Protein backbone atom coordinates (compact mmCIF):
# COMPACT_ATOMS: atom_id res chain seq x y z
CA MET A 1 10.23 -6.21 -13.50
CA LYS A 2 10.92 -5.19 -17.10
CA ILE A 3 9.37 -2.69 -19.52
CA LYS A 4 7.17 -4.63 -21.94
CA SER A 5 5.52 -1.94 -24.08
CA VAL A 6 5.69 1.80 -24.75
CA HIS A 7 2.89 3.56 -26.62
CA ALA A 8 2.26 7.30 -27.08
CA GLN A 9 -0.84 8.96 -28.52
CA TRP A 10 -1.68 12.48 -29.65
CA ILE A 11 -4.81 13.25 -27.65
CA GLN A 12 -6.92 16.14 -28.91
CA ILE A 13 -10.03 17.08 -26.93
CA PRO A 14 -12.38 19.82 -28.23
CA ILE A 15 -13.10 22.81 -25.99
CA GLU A 16 -16.68 23.98 -26.04
CA GLU A 17 -17.02 27.37 -27.70
CA ALA A 18 -18.32 29.13 -24.60
CA ARG A 19 -15.12 28.20 -22.71
CA GLN A 20 -12.57 29.05 -25.40
CA HIS A 21 -10.20 31.94 -24.79
CA THR A 22 -7.97 34.05 -27.01
CA SER A 23 -4.42 35.06 -26.18
CA ASP A 24 -1.12 35.52 -28.03
CA PHE A 25 -1.50 31.84 -29.00
CA GLY A 26 -4.73 32.68 -30.80
CA THR A 27 -8.10 31.14 -29.97
CA LEU A 28 -7.62 27.65 -28.55
CA ARG A 29 -10.37 25.34 -29.72
CA THR A 30 -8.83 22.05 -28.59
CA PHE A 31 -6.61 20.85 -25.78
CA ASP A 32 -3.75 18.72 -27.09
CA ALA A 33 -1.09 16.57 -25.44
CA ALA A 34 1.19 13.61 -26.05
CA ILE A 35 0.11 10.99 -23.51
CA LEU A 36 2.40 8.00 -22.95
CA ARG A 37 1.50 4.54 -21.66
CA ILE A 38 4.29 2.24 -20.42
CA GLU A 39 3.44 -1.28 -19.26
CA THR A 40 5.72 -3.71 -17.46
CA ASP A 41 5.85 -7.50 -17.84
CA ASP A 42 3.94 -7.89 -14.57
CA GLY A 43 1.08 -5.68 -15.74
CA ILE A 44 1.85 -2.36 -14.03
CA VAL A 45 0.96 0.64 -16.21
CA GLY A 46 2.63 4.03 -15.86
CA TRP A 47 1.41 7.22 -17.49
CA GLY A 48 3.52 10.07 -18.78
CA GLU A 49 3.16 13.25 -20.81
CA GLY A 50 5.44 15.12 -23.16
CA LYS A 51 4.93 18.68 -24.28
CA ASN A 52 6.23 20.82 -27.11
CA ALA A 53 4.01 23.86 -26.65
CA ALA A 54 2.58 25.94 -23.84
CA GLY A 55 -1.04 25.34 -23.01
CA SER A 56 -2.71 23.28 -25.70
CA ALA A 57 -1.39 25.00 -28.81
CA GLY A 58 0.89 22.26 -30.09
CA ASN A 59 1.09 19.76 -32.94
CA TYR A 60 2.15 16.48 -31.37
CA ALA A 61 2.65 14.20 -34.39
CA THR A 62 6.45 14.41 -34.35
CA LEU A 63 6.77 13.96 -30.59
CA VAL A 64 4.49 10.91 -30.63
CA ARG A 65 6.51 9.35 -33.45
CA LEU A 66 9.73 10.05 -31.57
CA LEU A 67 8.37 8.21 -28.55
CA ASN A 68 6.91 5.30 -30.49
CA GLU A 69 9.58 4.78 -33.12
CA ASP A 70 12.84 5.86 -31.45
CA PHE A 71 12.90 6.26 -27.67
CA GLY A 72 10.24 3.66 -26.85
CA PRO A 73 12.02 0.73 -28.53
CA ARG A 74 15.26 1.70 -26.77
CA ILE A 75 13.82 1.07 -23.32
CA ILE A 76 11.92 -2.18 -23.97
CA GLY A 77 13.35 -4.81 -21.66
CA ARG A 78 14.88 -2.26 -19.26
CA ASP A 79 14.21 -2.27 -15.53
CA PRO A 80 11.97 0.75 -14.83
CA ALA A 81 13.76 1.19 -11.50
CA ASP A 82 16.77 2.42 -13.49
CA VAL A 83 14.93 5.70 -14.00
CA THR A 84 18.02 7.91 -13.56
CA PHE A 85 20.14 5.91 -15.95
CA ILE A 86 17.40 5.56 -18.54
CA TRP A 87 17.22 9.37 -18.46
CA GLU A 88 20.97 9.69 -18.94
CA ASP A 89 21.13 7.01 -21.64
CA LEU A 90 18.41 8.70 -23.71
CA TYR A 91 20.04 12.11 -23.23
CA ASN A 92 23.56 10.95 -24.17
CA GLY A 93 22.43 8.66 -26.99
CA VAL A 94 25.21 6.75 -28.76
CA ARG A 95 27.76 7.99 -26.20
CA ALA A 96 25.74 6.79 -23.20
CA GLU A 97 28.27 4.14 -22.13
CA LYS A 98 31.19 6.55 -22.46
CA ALA A 99 29.33 9.22 -20.50
CA ALA A 100 28.47 6.77 -17.73
CA ALA A 101 32.07 5.61 -17.47
CA ALA A 102 33.49 9.14 -17.55
CA GLY A 103 30.99 10.53 -15.05
CA HIS A 104 29.85 13.51 -17.09
CA ALA A 105 27.31 14.23 -19.81
CA MET A 106 28.17 13.76 -23.48
CA PRO A 107 24.81 14.51 -25.09
CA GLU A 108 23.94 14.30 -28.75
CA MET A 109 23.43 17.52 -30.72
CA ALA A 110 19.62 17.25 -30.47
CA ARG A 111 19.80 17.50 -26.70
CA ARG A 112 16.91 19.88 -26.01
CA GLY A 113 13.43 20.49 -27.41
CA LEU A 114 11.58 17.38 -28.55
CA THR A 115 14.34 15.11 -27.30
CA VAL A 116 13.88 16.22 -23.70
CA ALA A 117 10.09 16.37 -24.11
CA ALA A 118 10.18 12.67 -25.00
CA ILE A 119 12.51 11.92 -22.08
CA SER A 120 10.09 13.86 -19.85
CA ALA A 121 7.16 11.65 -20.82
CA ILE A 122 9.16 8.48 -20.19
CA ASP A 123 10.53 9.73 -16.87
CA ILE A 124 7.09 10.66 -15.54
CA ALA A 125 5.68 7.27 -16.53
CA LEU A 126 8.59 5.41 -14.91
CA TRP A 127 8.07 7.23 -11.61
CA ASP A 128 4.38 6.31 -11.83
CA ILE A 129 5.37 2.65 -12.26
CA LEU A 130 7.83 2.76 -9.36
CA GLY A 131 5.24 4.23 -7.02
CA LYS A 132 2.61 1.68 -8.01
CA ALA A 133 5.08 -1.21 -7.70
CA ASP A 134 6.00 -0.07 -4.19
CA GLY A 135 2.44 0.87 -3.19
CA LYS A 136 3.48 4.45 -2.40
CA PRO A 137 2.79 7.91 -3.82
CA VAL A 138 5.74 9.26 -5.80
CA TRP A 139 6.48 11.98 -3.26
CA LYS A 140 7.42 9.28 -0.75
CA LEU A 141 10.01 7.93 -3.18
CA LEU A 142 11.38 11.47 -3.64
CA GLY A 143 12.08 11.89 0.07
CA GLY A 144 8.71 12.73 1.59
CA ARG A 145 6.46 15.76 1.58
CA LYS A 146 6.65 18.98 3.52
CA ALA A 147 2.87 19.32 3.99
CA ASP A 148 -0.33 17.54 3.02
CA ARG A 149 -1.44 20.42 0.78
CA MET A 150 -0.08 23.63 -0.74
CA GLN A 151 -1.32 27.04 -1.81
CA ALA A 152 -2.51 27.14 -5.41
CA TYR A 153 -2.88 30.13 -7.66
CA ALA A 154 -5.66 30.49 -10.21
CA SER A 155 -4.10 30.79 -13.65
CA GLY A 156 -6.07 32.53 -16.41
CA GLY A 157 -6.96 36.16 -16.93
CA TRP A 158 -7.48 37.04 -20.61
CA ALA A 159 -10.38 39.53 -20.34
CA GLY A 160 -10.16 43.18 -21.35
CA ALA A 161 -9.84 46.04 -18.88
CA ASP A 162 -13.61 46.27 -18.51
CA LYS A 163 -14.02 42.59 -17.55
CA ILE A 164 -10.70 41.45 -16.09
CA GLY A 165 -11.63 42.28 -12.50
CA GLU A 166 -14.84 40.30 -12.79
CA GLN A 167 -13.02 37.37 -14.39
CA LEU A 168 -10.32 37.17 -11.72
CA GLN A 169 -12.80 37.69 -8.89
CA SER A 170 -14.75 34.70 -10.21
CA TYR A 171 -11.59 32.60 -9.67
CA VAL A 172 -11.33 33.82 -6.09
CA ASP A 173 -14.98 33.01 -5.48
CA ALA A 174 -14.81 29.59 -7.15
CA GLY A 175 -11.93 28.03 -5.24
CA GLY A 176 -11.14 30.40 -2.41
CA PHE A 177 -7.91 31.39 -4.14
CA ARG A 178 -5.78 34.06 -2.50
CA SER A 179 -3.50 34.33 -5.52
CA VAL A 180 -4.33 34.76 -9.22
CA LYS A 181 -2.41 35.21 -12.47
CA MET A 182 -3.40 37.09 -15.63
CA ARG A 183 -1.92 37.32 -19.15
CA VAL A 184 -0.27 40.42 -20.59
CA GLY A 185 2.11 41.17 -23.46
CA ALA A 186 1.53 40.50 -27.16
CA MET A 187 -2.15 39.76 -26.64
CA ASP A 188 -2.53 43.50 -25.95
CA ALA A 189 -1.95 46.37 -28.35
CA ASN A 190 0.93 47.86 -26.34
CA PRO A 191 2.39 48.00 -22.79
CA HIS A 192 -0.08 50.74 -21.85
CA ALA A 193 -3.00 48.44 -22.73
CA SER A 194 -1.50 45.64 -20.61
CA ALA A 195 -0.94 48.07 -17.76
CA ALA A 196 -4.52 49.33 -17.94
CA ARG A 197 -5.79 45.76 -17.59
CA VAL A 198 -3.49 45.15 -14.61
CA ARG A 199 -4.59 48.34 -12.87
CA ALA A 200 -8.24 47.38 -13.41
CA ALA A 201 -7.55 43.93 -11.97
CA ARG A 202 -5.83 45.32 -8.88
CA GLU A 203 -8.62 47.82 -8.27
CA ALA A 204 -11.24 45.05 -8.45
CA LEU A 205 -9.35 42.55 -6.30
CA GLY A 206 -8.18 44.92 -3.62
CA PRO A 207 -4.84 44.71 -1.78
CA ASP A 208 -5.23 41.30 -0.13
CA ILE A 209 -5.26 39.04 -3.21
CA GLU A 210 -1.85 38.30 -4.74
CA LEU A 211 -1.76 39.23 -8.43
CA ALA A 212 0.87 37.92 -10.87
CA VAL A 213 1.25 38.59 -14.60
CA ASP A 214 2.51 36.38 -17.44
CA ALA A 215 3.79 37.86 -20.72
CA HIS A 216 4.55 34.48 -22.37
CA GLY A 217 7.96 35.87 -23.38
CA THR A 218 6.43 38.44 -25.75
CA PHE A 219 7.93 41.73 -24.50
CA THR A 220 11.38 43.03 -25.39
CA VAL A 221 13.71 44.17 -22.62
CA ALA A 222 12.67 47.77 -23.29
CA THR A 223 8.91 47.12 -23.34
CA ALA A 224 9.11 44.82 -20.30
CA ARG A 225 10.81 47.57 -18.33
CA ARG A 226 8.30 50.11 -19.61
CA PHE A 227 5.38 47.88 -18.59
CA ALA A 228 6.90 47.27 -15.16
CA GLN A 229 7.23 51.01 -14.61
CA LEU A 230 3.58 51.54 -15.54
CA VAL A 231 2.39 48.96 -12.95
CA GLU A 232 4.97 49.67 -10.25
CA ASP A 233 2.26 50.65 -7.77
CA CYS A 234 0.14 47.50 -8.34
CA ASP A 235 2.14 45.28 -5.94
CA LEU A 236 2.60 42.36 -8.35
CA ALA A 237 3.63 39.00 -6.93
CA TRP A 238 5.76 38.20 -9.98
CA PHE A 239 6.32 39.03 -13.65
CA GLU A 240 6.43 35.75 -15.58
CA GLU A 241 8.42 35.23 -18.77
CA PRO A 242 8.82 38.94 -19.47
CA ILE A 243 10.92 38.31 -22.59
CA ILE A 244 12.00 35.46 -24.86
CA ALA A 245 13.61 32.61 -22.92
CA ASP A 246 16.56 32.46 -25.34
CA ASP A 247 17.77 35.87 -24.12
CA LYS A 248 18.93 34.99 -20.61
CA ALA A 249 21.08 38.12 -20.41
CA GLY A 250 18.00 40.15 -21.25
CA ILE A 251 15.96 38.45 -18.53
CA ALA A 252 18.75 39.20 -16.07
CA GLU A 253 18.70 42.85 -17.17
CA VAL A 254 14.94 43.05 -16.64
CA ARG A 255 15.23 41.50 -13.19
CA ALA A 256 18.03 43.88 -12.18
CA THR A 257 16.12 46.99 -13.21
CA ILE A 258 12.53 46.45 -12.00
CA PRO A 259 11.05 46.11 -8.49
CA ILE A 260 8.85 43.11 -9.40
CA PRO A 261 10.09 39.54 -8.82
CA VAL A 262 10.79 37.75 -12.12
CA SER A 263 9.79 34.15 -12.84
CA THR A 264 10.73 32.04 -15.83
CA GLY A 265 11.45 28.50 -16.96
CA GLU A 266 8.45 26.92 -18.70
CA SER A 267 10.35 27.17 -21.99
CA GLU A 268 13.59 25.79 -20.57
CA ALA A 269 14.81 22.20 -20.68
CA THR A 270 17.26 20.44 -18.33
CA ARG A 271 19.13 21.44 -15.21
CA PHE A 272 21.84 23.02 -17.33
CA ALA A 273 19.58 25.84 -18.53
CA PHE A 274 18.38 26.56 -14.98
CA ARG A 275 21.96 26.53 -13.74
CA ASP A 276 22.66 29.34 -16.19
CA LEU A 277 19.60 31.29 -15.04
CA ALA A 278 20.77 30.98 -11.45
CA LEU A 279 24.36 31.99 -12.18
CA MET A 280 23.21 34.99 -14.22
CA ARG A 281 20.79 36.03 -11.47
CA ALA A 282 18.04 36.12 -14.06
CA ALA A 283 15.09 34.91 -11.97
CA ASP A 284 13.55 34.89 -8.52
CA ILE A 285 11.24 31.94 -9.26
CA PHE A 286 11.93 28.86 -11.38
CA GLN A 287 8.97 27.44 -13.31
CA PRO A 288 10.05 24.19 -15.00
CA ASP A 289 7.37 22.22 -16.82
CA PRO A 290 7.70 18.51 -15.90
CA ALA A 291 6.50 17.47 -19.38
CA PHE A 292 9.19 19.55 -21.10
CA CYS A 293 12.11 20.15 -18.72
CA GLY A 294 13.05 16.48 -18.31
CA GLY A 295 10.32 14.95 -16.17
CA ILE A 296 10.12 14.48 -12.42
CA SER A 297 13.81 13.58 -12.13
CA GLU A 298 15.00 16.79 -13.76
CA ALA A 299 12.39 18.99 -12.05
CA MET A 300 13.71 17.79 -8.69
CA ARG A 301 17.29 18.62 -9.74
CA ILE A 302 16.10 22.07 -10.83
CA GLY A 303 14.47 22.47 -7.44
CA THR A 304 17.80 21.67 -5.82
CA ILE A 305 19.46 24.42 -7.86
CA ALA A 306 16.72 26.83 -6.78
CA SER A 307 17.27 25.89 -3.15
CA ALA A 308 21.04 26.29 -3.44
CA PHE A 309 20.61 29.83 -4.81
CA ASN A 310 17.85 30.77 -2.35
CA LEU A 311 15.29 30.94 -5.16
CA ARG A 312 11.77 29.52 -5.24
CA LEU A 313 10.07 26.83 -7.33
CA ALA A 314 6.57 26.97 -8.85
CA PRO A 315 6.30 24.44 -11.72
CA HIS A 316 4.44 25.33 -14.90
CA LEU A 317 1.40 23.07 -14.77
CA TRP A 318 -0.90 24.19 -17.59
CA ALA A 319 -1.02 20.65 -18.86
CA GLY A 320 -2.69 17.25 -18.85
CA ALA A 321 -3.14 15.00 -15.84
CA PRO A 322 0.24 13.18 -15.95
CA CYS A 323 2.18 16.45 -16.04
CA PHE A 324 -0.05 18.15 -13.47
CA PHE A 325 0.19 15.27 -11.01
CA ALA A 326 3.94 15.03 -11.61
CA GLY A 327 4.13 18.69 -10.61
CA LEU A 328 2.16 18.01 -7.45
CA HIS A 329 4.70 15.40 -6.36
CA VAL A 330 7.61 17.72 -7.16
CA CYS A 331 5.98 20.48 -5.13
CA ALA A 332 5.37 18.09 -2.25
CA ALA A 333 9.00 16.92 -2.14
CA SER A 334 11.00 20.03 -3.09
CA PRO A 335 12.09 22.38 -0.27
CA ALA A 336 12.04 25.30 -2.76
CA SER A 337 8.40 24.93 -3.84
CA PHE A 338 5.75 27.35 -2.66
CA ALA A 339 2.81 27.45 -5.12
CA ILE A 340 0.86 25.21 -7.49
CA GLU A 341 -0.43 26.50 -10.82
CA PHE A 342 -4.11 25.57 -11.32
CA SER A 343 -5.60 26.45 -14.71
CA LEU A 344 -8.97 28.15 -14.64
CA GLY A 345 -9.36 28.02 -18.39
CA ALA A 346 -11.00 25.00 -19.97
CA ASN A 347 -8.75 22.02 -19.30
CA PRO A 348 -10.36 18.71 -20.31
CA MET A 349 -6.92 17.06 -20.28
CA ILE A 350 -7.00 17.17 -16.48
CA HIS A 351 -10.67 16.93 -15.70
CA ASP A 352 -12.02 14.54 -18.37
CA ILE A 353 -9.41 11.81 -18.78
CA ILE A 354 -9.04 10.61 -15.18
CA GLY A 355 -11.42 9.19 -12.62
CA GLU A 356 -10.43 11.53 -9.80
CA SER A 357 -11.66 15.11 -9.32
CA VAL A 358 -9.01 17.80 -9.13
CA VAL A 359 -10.30 20.72 -7.06
CA ALA A 360 -8.98 23.55 -4.95
CA LYS A 361 -10.41 24.09 -1.47
CA ASP A 362 -9.74 27.34 0.36
CA GLY A 363 -7.16 28.10 -2.30
CA MET A 364 -5.22 24.93 -1.50
CA ILE A 365 -4.66 21.65 -3.37
CA GLU A 366 -4.02 18.39 -1.55
CA PHE A 367 -1.12 16.17 -2.52
CA PRO A 368 -2.07 12.71 -3.85
CA GLU A 369 -2.15 9.78 -1.44
CA LYS A 370 -2.64 6.93 -3.93
CA PRO A 371 0.32 4.91 -5.23
CA GLY A 372 2.26 6.29 -8.18
CA LEU A 373 1.15 9.62 -9.58
CA GLY A 374 -2.17 9.13 -7.87
CA PHE A 375 -4.81 9.07 -10.59
CA THR A 376 -6.79 6.49 -12.54
CA MET A 377 -6.60 6.98 -16.30
CA ASN A 378 -9.78 6.54 -18.35
CA GLU A 379 -8.33 4.79 -21.37
CA ALA A 380 -11.69 4.73 -23.17
CA VAL A 381 -11.70 8.55 -23.17
CA LEU A 382 -8.12 8.64 -24.40
CA ASN A 383 -8.86 6.27 -27.26
CA ASN A 384 -11.93 8.27 -28.19
CA TYR A 385 -9.90 11.47 -28.63
CA ALA A 386 -6.70 9.96 -30.04
CA ARG A 387 -5.67 11.37 -33.40
CA VAL A 388 -4.53 9.02 -36.14
CA ILE A 389 -1.09 10.10 -37.37
């Protein structure tokens, strides 16, 4: 079996006005993603996704060109079963042979960002192909699953203090969720405004629903600590991306000085970055995004680091179907995983482009049973919303 074709598209699906939300990313009117199609010479198609922005706020022209004009041609004719070594070859670039012989990485200068986003898309698609070729869900190829379903948390929460309780309670009512997450930080005027919204949410939800907050990296160390002090009595499950991901020492300082567990990682790429987070004791929960961190292969390695440091894994899954399903398989197979992110904002990139329905029942999401990633792509929908670049 050989790779015959590689084709990426920038998919942009409008979000109906009534379901649009506003955060520190502004008002999101479309959901965007780079969706990758890899086909083998025996007709098996694998689907991947690369990401260069949280949520749907990105411009994907450059990433799509990188996949179609650079990385894609490099893997034509390769055996998709060489998924690990395709990853390493793309990461090490012109020094791939030397790195393989030496037994250690020798990456090119452009070793993060869009480079790893492109590798992520390819890696996810290759795992999809391997599962389909073997007639097994990807989690079986990763070593099995620890359960047939896992707790999910409802991810959303943009409303003001007067409506946030109602908004989060609607998540609980809709899918039986016992855990919810809301946004704070730069979308609010100041830490006091964020804290007021959190206190309103806790009062509305009561003590039995887990409540987490996500600042999207928009606080400073000082304002993150100030916010944490203001909500110390709200029993928060975790404080996500309190400050900019580039300041790992700052994240470690926040974690060491507040009583709330700290989670981070959606803005990080490769196992090397998560190794640093672990060594610096900067996080309690790792949240790699499969479409940005390096795909399924790298997310599993990151999960191993989490397990070795007695940390937990909850992948960032505000994404399209290939990334979301990749995250499901990682959660199924990783001993460190404990929760699945399920977006309660408008997400047509999950619900409109595949044949299967993705739903939460009693706050839980079942792991896929079908071969590969476990979904059927609607290529007509993709082609309808593909941007010409």
